[in-house]
Protein backbone atom coordinates (compact mmCIF):
# COMPACT_ATOMS: atom_id res chain seq x y z
CA UNK A 1 116.73 119.80 98.37
CA UNK A 2 115.71 122.94 100.29
CA UNK A 3 112.16 122.66 98.90
CA UNK A 4 111.91 119.10 100.23
CA UNK A 5 113.22 120.11 103.66
CA UNK A 6 110.73 122.98 103.80
CA UNK A 7 107.81 120.72 102.82
CA UNK A 8 108.64 118.24 105.58
CA UNK A 9 109.01 121.03 108.16
CA UNK A 10 105.79 122.74 107.11
CA UNK A 11 103.92 119.44 107.37
CA UNK A 12 105.34 118.80 110.82
CA UNK A 13 104.41 122.33 111.87
CA UNK A 14 100.76 121.40 111.29
CA UNK A 15 100.95 118.65 113.92
CA UNK A 16 99.53 118.97 117.41
CA UNK A 17 102.80 119.72 119.17
CA UNK A 18 102.87 119.18 122.92
CA UNK A 19 105.06 121.05 125.40
CA UNK A 20 108.30 119.23 126.08
CA UNK A 21 108.09 117.89 129.61
CA UNK A 22 109.10 114.38 130.66
CA UNK A 23 109.97 114.73 134.35
CA UNK A 24 107.00 112.57 135.34
CA UNK A 25 108.45 109.75 133.22
CA UNK A 26 112.03 109.95 134.56
CA UNK A 27 113.24 108.23 137.73
CA UNK A 28 116.00 109.26 140.12
CA UNK A 29 118.62 107.56 137.95
CA UNK A 30 117.65 109.46 134.79
CA UNK A 31 115.85 106.45 133.27
CA UNK A 32 113.14 107.75 130.91
CA UNK A 33 110.26 105.26 130.86
CA UNK A 34 107.86 105.48 127.93
CA UNK A 35 105.54 102.46 127.60
CA UNK A 36 105.36 101.14 124.03
CA UNK A 37 102.91 98.60 122.66
CA UNK A 38 104.79 95.24 122.76
CA UNK A 39 103.11 94.21 119.50
CA UNK A 40 104.32 97.38 117.76
CA UNK A 41 106.98 99.11 119.89
CA UNK A 42 107.06 102.43 118.04
CA UNK A 43 106.04 106.01 118.80
CA UNK A 44 106.50 109.53 117.45
CA UNK A 45 106.35 112.55 119.74
CA UNK A 46 105.97 116.10 118.41
CA UNK A 47 107.38 118.57 120.94
CA UNK A 48 107.64 122.32 121.15
CA UNK A 49 110.38 123.82 123.30
CA UNK A 50 109.30 127.45 123.65
CA UNK A 51 109.66 127.29 127.43
CA UNK A 52 112.66 125.00 127.26
CA UNK A 53 115.09 125.78 130.11
CA UNK A 54 118.80 125.62 129.20
CA UNK A 55 120.52 122.56 130.63
CA UNK A 56 117.36 120.41 130.71
CA UNK A 57 117.81 117.14 132.62
CA UNK A 58 119.63 114.40 130.70
CA UNK A 59 118.08 110.94 130.51
CA UNK A 60 118.74 107.45 129.16
CA UNK A 61 116.45 104.61 128.05
CA UNK A 62 116.39 101.23 126.29
CA UNK A 63 114.54 102.46 123.19
CA UNK A 64 116.27 103.55 120.01
CA UNK A 65 115.75 107.22 119.20
CA UNK A 66 115.96 109.61 116.26
CA UNK A 67 115.83 113.33 117.10
CA UNK A 68 114.57 115.46 114.20
CA UNK A 69 114.58 119.26 114.67
CA UNK A 70 111.74 120.78 112.66
CA UNK A 71 112.35 124.44 113.45
CA UNK A 72 115.04 126.25 115.42
CA UNK A 73 118.60 125.30 116.35
CA UNK A 74 120.55 124.28 119.42
CA UNK A 75 122.92 121.73 120.91
CA UNK A 76 122.39 118.12 121.97
CA UNK A 77 124.47 116.09 124.41
CA UNK A 78 125.14 112.32 124.25
CA UNK A 79 127.49 111.20 127.00
CA UNK A 80 130.51 113.50 126.73
CA UNK A 81 129.77 114.45 123.13
CA UNK A 82 127.97 117.73 122.34
CA UNK A 83 126.49 118.17 118.85
CA UNK A 84 125.13 121.37 117.33
CA UNK A 85 121.94 120.97 115.30
CA UNK A 86 119.55 123.02 113.22
CA UNK A 87 116.24 122.51 111.46
CA UNK A 88 116.40 119.69 108.90
CA UNK A 89 119.18 117.73 110.64
CA UNK A 90 118.59 114.22 111.98
CA UNK A 91 120.45 112.92 115.04
CA UNK A 92 120.96 109.21 115.73
CA UNK A 93 120.83 109.17 119.53
CA UNK A 94 123.12 107.03 121.69
CA UNK A 95 120.20 106.07 123.91
CA UNK A 96 122.08 104.23 126.69
CA UNK A 97 124.19 107.29 127.45
CA UNK A 98 122.75 110.26 129.30
CA UNK A 99 121.45 112.50 126.56
CA UNK A 100 119.17 115.38 125.74
CA UNK A 101 118.99 118.88 124.28
CA UNK A 102 121.19 121.38 126.12
CA UNK A 103 119.70 124.34 124.28
CA UNK A 104 117.00 124.92 121.70
CA UNK A 105 116.62 128.42 120.28
CA UNK A 106 114.41 130.14 117.76
CA UNK A 107 110.97 131.73 117.56
CA UNK A 108 109.48 128.27 116.95
CA UNK A 109 111.61 125.51 118.50
CA UNK A 110 109.98 122.29 117.30
CA UNK A 111 111.15 118.70 116.97
CA UNK A 112 109.80 115.27 116.10
CA UNK A 113 111.28 112.45 118.18
CA UNK A 114 110.98 108.87 116.95
CA UNK A 115 111.20 106.03 119.47
CA UNK A 116 111.24 102.31 118.72
CA UNK A 117 112.63 99.12 120.15
CA UNK A 118 115.37 97.22 118.36
CA UNK A 119 113.24 94.07 118.14
CA UNK A 120 110.95 95.84 115.68
CA UNK A 121 113.70 95.04 113.15
CA UNK A 122 115.95 92.44 114.74
CA UNK A 123 115.49 89.70 117.33
CA UNK A 124 116.68 86.15 117.84
CA UNK A 125 114.35 84.82 115.15
CA UNK A 126 115.29 87.38 112.49
CA UNK A 127 117.39 86.87 109.40
CA UNK A 128 120.89 88.03 110.34
CA UNK A 129 120.93 90.57 107.50
CA UNK A 130 118.15 92.45 109.33
CA UNK A 131 120.77 93.56 111.83
CA UNK A 132 122.05 95.98 109.17
CA UNK A 133 119.01 98.17 109.90
CA UNK A 134 120.50 98.87 113.34
CA UNK A 135 124.08 99.68 112.34
CA UNK A 136 123.48 103.48 112.61
CA UNK A 137 122.89 102.85 116.33
CA UNK A 138 125.35 100.06 117.11
CA UNK A 139 127.97 100.20 114.37
CA UNK A 140 129.34 103.75 114.42
CA UNK A 141 132.82 104.45 115.74
CA UNK A 142 133.48 107.40 118.05
CA UNK A 143 135.13 109.24 115.15
CA UNK A 144 131.86 109.44 113.17
CA UNK A 145 129.38 112.17 114.06
CA UNK A 146 125.91 110.54 114.37
CA UNK A 147 124.16 113.31 112.43
CA UNK A 148 122.64 113.48 108.98
CA UNK A 149 122.93 117.16 108.07
CA UNK A 150 120.23 118.92 106.09
CA UNK A 151 122.77 119.59 103.32
CA UNK A 152 123.97 115.95 103.05
CA UNK A 153 123.12 114.13 99.78
CA UNK A 154 121.00 111.49 101.57
CA UNK A 155 118.95 114.11 103.38
CA UNK A 156 116.31 114.66 100.68
CA UNK A 157 115.31 110.98 100.49
CA UNK A 158 115.37 110.62 104.29
CA UNK A 159 113.15 113.67 104.74
CA UNK A 160 110.70 112.38 102.14
CA UNK A 161 110.39 109.03 103.96
CA UNK A 162 110.21 110.84 107.30
CA UNK A 163 107.31 112.99 106.11
CA UNK A 164 105.40 109.93 104.86
CA UNK A 165 106.01 108.10 108.12
CA UNK A 166 104.77 111.04 110.21
CA UNK A 167 101.61 111.30 108.11
CA UNK A 168 101.04 107.55 108.41
CA UNK A 169 101.41 107.68 112.18
CA UNK A 170 99.23 110.69 112.95
CA UNK A 171 96.55 110.36 110.27
CA UNK A 172 95.40 106.87 111.33
CA UNK A 173 96.91 106.03 114.75
CA UNK A 174 96.60 102.37 115.71
CA UNK A 175 95.29 101.27 112.33
CA UNK A 176 97.02 98.11 111.01
CA UNK A 177 97.88 99.81 107.72
CA UNK A 178 99.32 102.75 109.64
CA UNK A 179 101.64 100.33 111.41
CA UNK A 180 102.67 98.67 108.15
CA UNK A 181 103.36 102.07 106.61
CA UNK A 182 105.31 103.36 109.60
CA UNK A 183 107.55 100.30 109.62
CA UNK A 184 108.05 100.45 105.85
CA UNK A 185 109.08 104.13 105.90
CA UNK A 186 111.23 103.66 109.00
CA UNK A 187 112.94 100.74 107.24
CA UNK A 188 113.70 103.07 104.33
CA UNK A 189 115.09 105.72 106.70
CA UNK A 190 117.35 103.19 108.46
CA UNK A 191 118.50 101.78 105.11
CA UNK A 192 119.44 105.28 103.90
CA UNK A 193 121.19 106.12 107.17
CA UNK A 194 123.15 102.86 107.04
CA UNK A 195 124.36 103.70 103.53
CA UNK A 196 125.13 107.29 104.54
CA UNK A 197 127.29 106.35 107.53
CA UNK A 198 128.86 103.35 105.83
CA UNK A 199 129.80 99.95 107.24
CA UNK A 200 132.61 100.51 109.73
CA UNK A 201 134.90 97.75 111.01
CA UNK A 202 132.88 97.91 114.22
CA UNK A 203 129.64 97.31 112.33
CA UNK A 204 131.10 94.35 110.43
CA UNK A 205 132.45 92.80 113.64
CA UNK A 206 129.06 93.24 115.31
CA UNK A 207 127.34 91.67 112.30
CA UNK A 208 129.59 88.59 112.55
CA UNK A 209 128.96 88.38 116.30
CA UNK A 210 125.19 88.51 115.80
CA UNK A 211 125.40 85.88 113.04
CA UNK A 212 127.30 83.52 115.33
CA UNK A 213 124.81 84.10 118.14
CA UNK A 214 121.89 83.38 115.82
CA UNK A 215 123.51 80.15 114.64
CA UNK A 216 124.18 78.91 118.18
CA UNK A 217 120.79 79.87 119.58
CA UNK A 218 118.69 79.24 116.48
CA UNK A 219 117.66 75.69 117.37
CA UNK A 220 116.75 76.74 120.92
CA UNK A 221 114.66 79.69 119.70
CA UNK A 222 112.80 77.45 117.24
CA UNK A 223 112.13 74.99 120.06
CA UNK A 224 110.84 77.72 122.39
CA UNK A 225 108.54 79.17 119.73
CA UNK A 226 106.83 75.79 119.46
CA UNK A 227 107.13 74.47 123.02
CA UNK A 228 106.81 77.65 125.10
CA UNK A 229 104.12 76.07 127.30
CA UNK A 230 106.40 73.28 128.50
CA UNK A 231 108.38 73.53 131.73
CA UNK A 232 111.76 74.63 130.40
CA UNK A 233 114.45 75.54 132.94
CA UNK A 234 117.82 77.20 132.39
CA UNK A 235 119.81 73.92 132.80
CA UNK A 236 117.76 72.27 130.02
CA UNK A 237 118.15 75.29 127.71
CA UNK A 238 121.89 75.50 128.39
CA UNK A 239 122.30 71.80 127.58
CA UNK A 240 120.50 72.28 124.26
CA UNK A 241 123.19 74.72 123.08
CA UNK A 242 126.10 72.91 124.77
CA UNK A 243 126.99 75.56 127.36
CA UNK A 244 127.40 75.73 131.11
CA UNK A 245 124.58 77.55 132.91
CA UNK A 246 126.69 80.60 133.74
CA UNK A 247 128.00 80.92 130.18
CA UNK A 248 124.51 80.41 128.76
CA UNK A 249 122.95 83.05 131.01
CA UNK A 250 125.56 85.60 129.95
CA UNK A 251 125.43 84.62 126.26
CA UNK A 252 121.62 84.58 126.06
CA UNK A 253 121.19 87.99 127.68
CA UNK A 254 123.82 89.45 125.36
CA UNK A 255 122.02 88.06 122.31
CA UNK A 256 118.41 88.66 123.34
CA UNK A 257 118.74 91.75 125.51
CA UNK A 258 116.91 89.98 128.35
CA UNK A 259 117.33 86.91 130.53
CA UNK A 260 116.18 83.49 129.38
CA UNK A 261 113.34 83.49 131.94
CA UNK A 262 112.16 86.94 130.82
CA UNK A 263 112.31 85.86 127.16
CA UNK A 264 110.22 82.75 127.84
CA UNK A 265 107.72 84.81 129.85
CA UNK A 266 107.49 87.30 126.96
CA UNK A 267 106.70 84.47 124.53
CA UNK A 268 104.02 83.09 126.83
CA UNK A 269 102.17 86.34 127.56
CA UNK A 270 102.35 87.38 123.89
CA UNK A 271 100.74 84.09 122.88
CA UNK A 272 98.16 84.54 125.65
CA UNK A 273 97.22 87.96 124.28
CA UNK A 274 96.51 86.33 120.91
CA UNK A 275 94.40 83.60 122.54
CA UNK A 276 92.29 86.16 124.42
CA UNK A 277 90.56 86.92 121.12
CA UNK A 278 89.04 83.42 121.31
CA UNK A 279 86.01 84.04 123.54
CA UNK A 280 85.40 80.29 123.98
CA UNK A 281 88.50 79.98 126.20
CA UNK A 282 88.43 81.15 129.81
CA UNK A 283 91.33 83.19 131.13
CA UNK A 284 92.24 80.30 133.45
CA UNK A 285 92.38 77.95 130.44
CA UNK A 286 94.57 80.39 128.50
CA UNK A 287 96.90 80.76 131.48
CA UNK A 288 97.36 77.00 131.56
CA UNK A 289 97.68 76.65 127.78
CA UNK A 290 100.65 79.04 127.62
CA UNK A 291 102.51 77.43 130.53
CA UNK A 292 101.43 79.23 133.72
CA UNK A 293 100.26 77.02 136.59
CA UNK A 294 99.30 79.97 138.81
CA UNK A 295 96.70 82.33 137.30
CA UNK A 296 97.43 85.16 139.74
CA UNK A 297 101.09 85.05 138.68
CA UNK A 298 99.98 84.99 135.03
CA UNK A 299 97.76 88.05 135.62
CA UNK A 300 100.66 89.90 137.25
CA UNK A 301 103.18 89.19 134.49
CA UNK A 302 100.62 89.91 131.76
CA UNK A 303 99.86 93.33 133.23
CA UNK A 304 103.59 94.09 133.58
CA UNK A 305 104.00 93.51 129.84
CA UNK A 306 100.86 95.13 128.45
CA UNK A 307 99.77 97.62 131.10
CA UNK A 308 96.34 95.98 131.32
CA UNK A 309 94.99 92.80 132.89
CA UNK A 310 94.00 89.84 130.68
CA UNK A 311 90.34 90.61 131.41
CA UNK A 312 90.75 94.25 130.33
CA UNK A 313 92.52 93.19 127.12
CA UNK A 314 89.73 90.71 126.36
CA UNK A 315 87.09 93.40 126.80
CA UNK A 316 89.02 95.72 124.47
CA UNK A 317 89.30 92.96 121.86
CA UNK A 318 85.56 92.25 122.19
CA UNK A 319 84.61 95.90 121.59
CA UNK A 320 86.98 96.45 118.64
């Protein structure tokens, strides 16, 4: 096992590590904003902490996070919990709580941090069993330490998959096969972590809750995926699943992680991004085809989602 850990760490040490510094991405409330590609919401950051000040600012965010120390040791805070770590450990971060490294010591303090959004593995249209990938994040009780230690039996296989995923990500960034590989190896990591931590009562209860949500909202989601361009208001959507508007709003946000209006907008702009590859359609035509009656509003919402205007995305697609 030690040989495998060393090989992963030596590979990571060959990466282009950047100084840890995220203040420019953190607002006054500690919210750490890191834009991820909506079509593949995944990123790996390789940080070095040589100038890391003790008691670095704690942050929170909506992404899921795995913190993987490559070299050195220290302590990491999640909410009120403080966890000691060393090279070769893997921490499953409670991302909605204020968190971050409190200390990071050693001649070479290095870490790989993996960020991804939950919908990469589970959303309203997924098979319910896919939720099991996320149980290390949502299914652990407070009595379980969210750490895979370097000496744990599952560590060797996790480190092997981690090394392959890191190579996939950095050797061919943005390539479609790189994305396939990253998701495949991350799936393996999450599978191994789920088995390592075990299915708690909390995880089973959450699984049942997600299954019930999927059953109640399944018909609506199928309808939206086909009829996203139609004028669909909250009262109509609520009636389709037999709920009052207030209950539906609460239930939908709990299941989807966003409001119904935001979900419908996400469907529309995602479809629009696909249509931009068709050079025979004008941007005004695409705006209308996906359900926007006001092109300026379409441009605004599109840029909010993708960080670029529809015209800029079309030019990028044309040159690729």
